[in-house]
């Protein structure tokens, strides 16, 4: 079962703690990791992305459908 969500479209000032607070309303969060943007030639998308891992897959499913 899937417990980790990929979150894209974050702003450049996104913080893991703030993101965790948004997602914790769906259930307990094990990890919330914000990854730095990849620098590629000819790519204007320099926003970070994140992985949010829930303790239980039903919580991840509800979060995915709700956001």
PDB file of N, CA and C in Angstrom:
ATOM      1  N   UNK A   1       0.827  -1.188   0.000  1.00  0.00           N
ATOM      2  CA  UNK A   1       0.000   0.000   0.000  1.00  0.00           C
ATOM      3  C   UNK A   1       0.872   1.253   0.000  1.00  0.00           C
ATOM      4  N   UNK A   2       0.402   2.274  -0.656  1.00  0.00           N
ATOM      5  CA  UNK A   2       1.145   3.523  -0.788  1.00  0.00           C
ATOM      6  C   UNK A   2       0.949   4.384   0.458  1.00  0.00           C
ATOM      7  N   UNK A   3       2.063   4.834   1.021  1.00  0.00           N
ATOM      8  CA  UNK A   3       1.999   5.727   2.178  1.00  0.00           C
ATOM      9  C   UNK A   3       2.711   7.050   1.923  1.00  0.00           C
ATOM     10  N   UNK A   4       3.388   7.176   0.785  1.00  0.00           N
ATOM     11  CA  UNK A   4       4.163   8.380   0.491  1.00  0.00           C
ATOM     12  C   UNK A   4       3.562   9.130  -0.688  1.00  0.00           C
ATOM     13  N   UNK A   5       3.369  10.429  -0.495  1.00  0.00           N
ATOM     14  CA  UNK A   5       2.842  11.286  -1.549  1.00  0.00           C
ATOM     15  C   UNK A   5       3.941  12.197  -2.075  1.00  0.00           C
ATOM     16  N   UNK A   6       3.912  12.424  -3.374  1.00  0.00           N
ATOM     17  CA  UNK A   6       4.787  13.390  -4.032  1.00  0.00           C
ATOM     18  C   UNK A   6       4.024  14.701  -4.108  1.00  0.00           C
ATOM     19  N   UNK A   7       4.642  15.784  -3.656  1.00  0.00           N
ATOM     20  CA  UNK A   7       3.987  17.092  -3.645  1.00  0.00           C
ATOM     21  C   UNK A   7       4.822  18.055  -4.482  1.00  0.00           C
ATOM     22  N   UNK A   8       4.233  18.553  -5.555  1.00  0.00           N
ATOM     23  CA  UNK A   8       4.926  19.488  -6.446  1.00  0.00           C
ATOM     24  C   UNK A   8       4.289  20.867  -6.343  1.00  0.00           C
ATOM     25  N   UNK A   9       4.912  21.824  -6.979  1.00  0.00           N
ATOM     26  CA  UNK A   9       4.365  23.167  -7.035  1.00  0.00           C
ATOM     27  C   UNK A   9       4.547  23.973  -5.765  1.00  0.00           C
ATOM     28  N   UNK A  10       5.546  23.627  -4.985  1.00  0.00           N
ATOM     29  CA  UNK A  10       5.808  24.369  -3.753  1.00  0.00           C
ATOM     30  C   UNK A  10       6.495  25.687  -4.072  1.00  0.00           C
ATOM     31  N   UNK A  11       6.285  26.645  -3.222  1.00  0.00           N
ATOM     32  CA  UNK A  11       6.961  27.923  -3.370  1.00  0.00           C
ATOM     33  C   UNK A  11       8.403  27.819  -2.907  1.00  0.00           C
ATOM     34  N   UNK A  12       9.221  28.763  -3.288  1.00  0.00           N
ATOM     35  CA  UNK A  12      10.643  28.710  -2.944  1.00  0.00           C
ATOM     36  C   UNK A  12      10.929  28.815  -1.452  1.00  0.00           C
ATOM     37  N   UNK A  13       9.965  29.284  -0.675  1.00  0.00           N
ATOM     38  CA  UNK A  13      10.180  29.418   0.772  1.00  0.00           C
ATOM     39  C   UNK A  13       9.481  28.320   1.572  1.00  0.00           C
ATOM     40  N   UNK A  14       9.026  27.264   0.907  1.00  0.00           N
ATOM     41  CA  UNK A  14       8.318  26.174   1.589  1.00  0.00           C
ATOM     42  C   UNK A  14       9.205  25.534   2.655  1.00  0.00           C
ATOM     43  N   UNK A  15       8.601  25.183   3.770  1.00  0.00           N
ATOM     44  CA  UNK A  15       9.308  24.552   4.891  1.00  0.00           C
ATOM     45  C   UNK A  15       8.628  23.239   5.246  1.00  0.00           C
ATOM     46  N   UNK A  16       9.417  22.244   5.608  1.00  0.00           N
ATOM     47  CA  UNK A  16       8.897  20.919   5.930  1.00  0.00           C
ATOM     48  C   UNK A  16       7.906  20.969   7.085  1.00  0.00           C
ATOM     49  N   UNK A  17       8.202  21.759   8.081  1.00  0.00           N
ATOM     50  CA  UNK A  17       7.305  21.835   9.239  1.00  0.00           C
ATOM     51  C   UNK A  17       5.920  22.350   8.831  1.00  0.00           C
ATOM     52  N   UNK A  18       5.891  23.393   8.027  1.00  0.00           N
ATOM     53  CA  UNK A  18       4.620  23.953   7.568  1.00  0.00           C
ATOM     54  C   UNK A  18       3.855  22.960   6.703  1.00  0.00           C
ATOM     55  N   UNK A  19       4.562  22.274   5.835  1.00  0.00           N
ATOM     56  CA  UNK A  19       3.928  21.280   4.976  1.00  0.00           C
ATOM     57  C   UNK A  19       3.370  20.132   5.819  1.00  0.00           C
ATOM     58  N   UNK A  20       4.138  19.700   6.811  1.00  0.00           N
ATOM     59  CA  UNK A  20       3.665  18.655   7.716  1.00  0.00           C
ATOM     60  C   UNK A  20       2.403  19.061   8.447  1.00  0.00           C
ATOM     61  N   UNK A  21       2.314  20.320   8.848  1.00  0.00           N
ATOM     62  CA  UNK A  21       1.119  20.810   9.538  1.00  0.00           C
ATOM     63  C   UNK A  21      -0.105  20.770   8.627  1.00  0.00           C
ATOM     64  N   UNK A  22       0.090  21.012   7.351  1.00  0.00           N
ATOM     65  CA  UNK A  22      -1.021  20.946   6.397  1.00  0.00           C
ATOM     66  C   UNK A  22      -1.516  19.511   6.253  1.00  0.00           C
ATOM     67  N   UNK A  23      -0.596  18.567   6.155  1.00  0.00           N
ATOM     68  CA  UNK A  23      -0.964  17.179   5.894  1.00  0.00           C
ATOM     69  C   UNK A  23      -1.340  16.390   7.142  1.00  0.00           C
ATOM     70  N   UNK A  24      -0.930  16.825   8.325  1.00  0.00           N
ATOM     71  CA  UNK A  24      -1.199  16.037   9.522  1.00  0.00           C
ATOM     72  C   UNK A  24      -2.682  15.982   9.874  1.00  0.00           C
ATOM     73  N   UNK A  25      -3.488  16.820   9.278  1.00  0.00           N
ATOM     74  CA  UNK A  25      -4.929  16.738   9.540  1.00  0.00           C
ATOM     75  C   UNK A  25      -5.534  15.466   8.954  1.00  0.00           C
ATOM     76  N   UNK A  26      -4.804  14.809   8.045  1.00  0.00           N
ATOM     77  CA  UNK A  26      -5.279  13.568   7.444  1.00  0.00           C
ATOM     78  C   UNK A  26      -4.803  12.330   8.196  1.00  0.00           C
ATOM     79  N   UNK A  27      -3.818  12.493   9.063  1.00  0.00           N
ATOM     80  CA  UNK A  27      -3.292  11.376   9.844  1.00  0.00           C
ATOM     81  C   UNK A  27      -1.847  11.614  10.227  1.00  0.00           C
ATOM     82  N   UNK A  28      -1.305  10.722  11.055  1.00  0.00           N
ATOM     83  CA  UNK A  28       0.080  10.877  11.512  1.00  0.00           C
ATOM     84  C   UNK A  28       1.079  10.848  10.351  1.00  0.00           C
ATOM     85  N   UNK A  29       2.036  11.767  10.412  1.00  0.00           N
ATOM     86  CA  UNK A  29       3.086  11.885   9.397  1.00  0.00           C
ATOM     87  C   UNK A  29       4.375  11.286   9.956  1.00  0.00           C
ATOM     88  N   UNK A  30       4.996  10.409   9.178  1.00  0.00           N
ATOM     89  CA  UNK A  30       6.289   9.852   9.580  1.00  0.00           C
ATOM     90  C   UNK A  30       7.441  10.738   9.131  1.00  0.00           C
ATOM     91  N   UNK A  31       7.337  11.255   7.899  1.00  0.00           N
ATOM     92  CA  UNK A  31       8.404  12.097   7.345  1.00  0.00           C
ATOM     93  C   UNK A  31       7.809  13.110   6.390  1.00  0.00           C
ATOM     94  N   UNK A  32       8.471  14.230   6.315  1.00  0.00           N
ATOM     95  CA  UNK A  32       8.126  15.257   5.338  1.00  0.00           C
ATOM     96  C   UNK A  32       9.446  15.852   4.863  1.00  0.00           C
ATOM     97  N   UNK A  33       9.847  15.483   3.669  1.00  0.00           N
ATOM     98  CA  UNK A  33      11.142  15.906   3.132  1.00  0.00           C
ATOM     99  C   UNK A  33      10.952  16.821   1.931  1.00  0.00           C
ATOM    100  N   UNK A  34      11.478  18.027   2.037  1.00  0.00           N
ATOM    101  CA  UNK A  34      11.463  18.949   0.903  1.00  0.00           C
ATOM    102  C   UNK A  34      12.797  18.825   0.182  1.00  0.00           C
ATOM    103  N   UNK A  35      12.695  18.572  -1.104  1.00  0.00           N
ATOM    104  CA  UNK A  35      13.875  18.377  -1.932  1.00  0.00           C
ATOM    105  C   UNK A  35      14.197  19.673  -2.674  1.00  0.00           C
ATOM    106  N   UNK A  36      15.476  19.995  -2.790  1.00  0.00           N
ATOM    107  CA  UNK A  36      15.842  21.212  -3.530  1.00  0.00           C
ATOM    108  C   UNK A  36      15.535  21.036  -5.012  1.00  0.00           C
ATOM    109  N   UNK A  37      15.236  22.126  -5.690  1.00  0.00           N
ATOM    110  CA  UNK A  37      14.948  22.016  -7.121  1.00  0.00           C
ATOM    111  C   UNK A  37      16.180  21.567  -7.889  1.00  0.00           C
ATOM    112  N   UNK A  38      15.933  20.830  -8.938  1.00  0.00           N
ATOM    113  CA  UNK A  38      17.035  20.412  -9.812  1.00  0.00           C
ATOM    114  C   UNK A  38      17.309  21.524 -10.810  1.00  0.00           C
ATOM    115  N   UNK A  39      18.550  21.837 -10.955  1.00  0.00           N
ATOM    116  CA  UNK A  39      18.948  22.868 -11.922  1.00  0.00           C
ATOM    117  C   UNK A  39      19.212  22.185 -13.258  1.00  0.00           C
ATOM    118  N   UNK A  40      18.386  22.508 -14.233  1.00  0.00           N
ATOM    119  CA  UNK A  40      18.568  21.957 -15.572  1.00  0.00           C
ATOM    120  C   UNK A  40      18.627  23.099 -16.573  1.00  0.00           C
ATOM    121  N   UNK A  41      19.349  22.855 -17.609  1.00  0.00           N
ATOM    122  CA  UNK A  41      19.398  23.847 -18.681  1.00  0.00           C
ATOM    123  C   UNK A  41      18.024  23.963 -19.333  1.00  0.00           C
ATOM    124  N   UNK A  42      17.654  25.162 -19.681  1.00  0.00           N
ATOM    125  CA  UNK A  42      16.383  25.433 -20.363  1.00  0.00           C
ATOM    126  C   UNK A  42      15.166  25.015 -19.548  1.00  0.00           C
ATOM    127  N   UNK A  43      15.282  25.031 -18.236  1.00  0.00           N
ATOM    128  CA  UNK A  43      14.161  24.674 -17.366  1.00  0.00           C
ATOM    129  C   UNK A  43      13.918  25.830 -16.405  1.00  0.00           C
ATOM    130  N   UNK A  44      12.763  26.445 -16.514  1.00  0.00           N
ATOM    131  CA  UNK A  44      12.444  27.585 -15.662  1.00  0.00           C
ATOM    132  C   UNK A  44      11.769  27.182 -14.360  1.00  0.00           C
ATOM    133  N   UNK A  45      11.508  25.902 -14.171  1.00  0.00           N
ATOM    134  CA  UNK A  45      10.856  25.444 -12.949  1.00  0.00           C
ATOM    135  C   UNK A  45      11.914  25.183 -11.886  1.00  0.00           C
ATOM    136  N   UNK A  46      12.124  26.147 -11.023  1.00  0.00           N
ATOM    137  CA  UNK A  46      13.125  26.014  -9.969  1.00  0.00           C
ATOM    138  C   UNK A  46      12.487  25.878  -8.595  1.00  0.00           C
ATOM    139  N   UNK A  47      11.258  25.375  -8.552  1.00  0.00           N
ATOM    140  CA  UNK A  47      10.572  25.224  -7.279  1.00  0.00           C
ATOM    141  C   UNK A  47      10.914  23.884  -6.634  1.00  0.00           C
ATOM    142  N   UNK A  48      10.982  23.868  -5.309  1.00  0.00           N
ATOM    143  CA  UNK A  48      11.224  22.602  -4.619  1.00  0.00           C
ATOM    144  C   UNK A  48       9.999  21.696  -4.705  1.00  0.00           C
ATOM    145  N   UNK A  49      10.202  20.442  -4.395  1.00  0.00           N
ATOM    146  CA  UNK A  49       9.113  19.465  -4.318  1.00  0.00           C
ATOM    147  C   UNK A  49       9.312  18.682  -3.032  1.00  0.00           C
ATOM    148  N   UNK A  50       8.323  17.882  -2.663  1.00  0.00           N
ATOM    149  CA  UNK A  50       8.408  17.197  -1.374  1.00  0.00           C
ATOM    150  C   UNK A  50       7.852  15.786  -1.457  1.00  0.00           C
ATOM    151  N   UNK A  51       8.246  14.984  -0.473  1.00  0.00           N
ATOM    152  CA  UNK A  51       7.675  13.672  -0.231  1.00  0.00           C
ATOM    153  C   UNK A  51       7.118  13.689   1.180  1.00  0.00           C
ATOM    154  N   UNK A  52       5.842  13.335   1.311  1.00  0.00           N
ATOM    155  CA  UNK A  52       5.190  13.281   2.616  1.00  0.00           C
ATOM    156  C   UNK A  52       4.807  11.830   2.869  1.00  0.00           C
ATOM    157  N   UNK A  53       5.349  11.249   3.940  1.00  0.00           N
ATOM    158  CA  UNK A  53       5.082   9.846   4.259  1.00  0.00           C
ATOM    159  C   UNK A  53       4.137   9.754   5.452  1.00  0.00           C
ATOM    160  N   UNK A  54       3.022   9.076   5.238  1.00  0.00           N
ATOM    161  CA  UNK A  54       2.033   8.852   6.284  1.00  0.00           C
ATOM    162  C   UNK A  54       2.302   7.527   6.990  1.00  0.00           C
ATOM    163  N   UNK A  55       1.808   7.404   8.207  1.00  0.00           N
ATOM    164  CA  UNK A  55       1.946   6.159   8.959  1.00  0.00           C
ATOM    165  C   UNK A  55       1.042   5.071   8.385  1.00  0.00           C
ATOM    166  N   UNK A  56      -0.069   5.464   7.766  1.00  0.00           N
ATOM    167  CA  UNK A  56      -1.029   4.485   7.246  1.00  0.00           C
ATOM    168  C   UNK A  56      -1.473   4.872   5.837  1.00  0.00           C
ATOM    169  N   UNK A  57      -1.610   3.868   4.982  1.00  0.00           N
ATOM    170  CA  UNK A  57      -1.987   4.141   3.596  1.00  0.00           C
ATOM    171  C   UNK A  57      -3.394   4.726   3.443  1.00  0.00           C
ATOM    172  N   UNK A  58      -4.382   4.359   4.272  1.00  0.00           N
ATOM    173  CA  UNK A  58      -5.691   5.015   4.115  1.00  0.00           C
ATOM    174  C   UNK A  58      -5.617   6.533   4.333  1.00  0.00           C
ATOM    175  N   UNK A  59      -4.762   6.972   5.241  1.00  0.00           N
ATOM    176  CA  UNK A  59      -4.591   8.406   5.473  1.00  0.00           C
ATOM    177  C   UNK A  59      -3.984   9.083   4.250  1.00  0.00           C
ATOM    178  N   UNK A  60      -3.014   8.429   3.631  1.00  0.00           N
ATOM    179  CA  UNK A  60      -2.399   8.975   2.419  1.00  0.00           C
ATOM    180  C   UNK A  60      -3.425   9.067   1.295  1.00  0.00           C
ATOM    181  N   UNK A  61      -4.286   8.059   1.179  1.00  0.00           N
ATOM    182  CA  UNK A  61      -5.310   8.063   0.138  1.00  0.00           C
ATOM    183  C   UNK A  61      -6.298   9.209   0.330  1.00  0.00           C
ATOM    184  N   UNK A  62      -6.711   9.448   1.564  1.00  0.00           N
ATOM    185  CA  UNK A  62      -7.638  10.550   1.843  1.00  0.00           C
ATOM    186  C   UNK A  62      -6.973  11.888   1.529  1.00  0.00           C
ATOM    187  N   UNK A  63      -5.721  12.046   1.913  1.00  0.00           N
ATOM    188  CA  UNK A  63      -5.001  13.288   1.628  1.00  0.00           C
ATOM    189  C   UNK A  63      -4.894  13.512   0.125  1.00  0.00           C
ATOM    190  N   UNK A  64      -4.587  12.469  -0.610  1.00  0.00           N
ATOM    191  CA  UNK A  64      -4.444  12.574  -2.060  1.00  0.00           C
ATOM    192  C   UNK A  64      -5.746  13.015  -2.711  1.00  0.00           C
ATOM    193  N   UNK A  65      -6.851  12.471  -2.268  1.00  0.00           N
ATOM    194  CA  UNK A  65      -8.140  12.824  -2.863  1.00  0.00           C
ATOM    195  C   UNK A  65      -8.642  14.187  -2.405  1.00  0.00           C
ATOM    196  N   UNK A  66      -8.184  14.645  -1.261  1.00  0.00           N
ATOM    197  CA  UNK A  66      -8.679  15.900  -0.694  1.00  0.00           C
ATOM    198  C   UNK A  66      -7.954  17.129  -1.215  1.00  0.00           C
ATOM    199  N   UNK A  67      -6.723  16.965  -1.644  1.00  0.00           N
ATOM    200  CA  UNK A  67      -5.942  18.140  -2.056  1.00  0.00           C
ATOM    201  C   UNK A  67      -5.752  18.210  -3.548  1.00  0.00           C
TER     202      UNK A  67
END
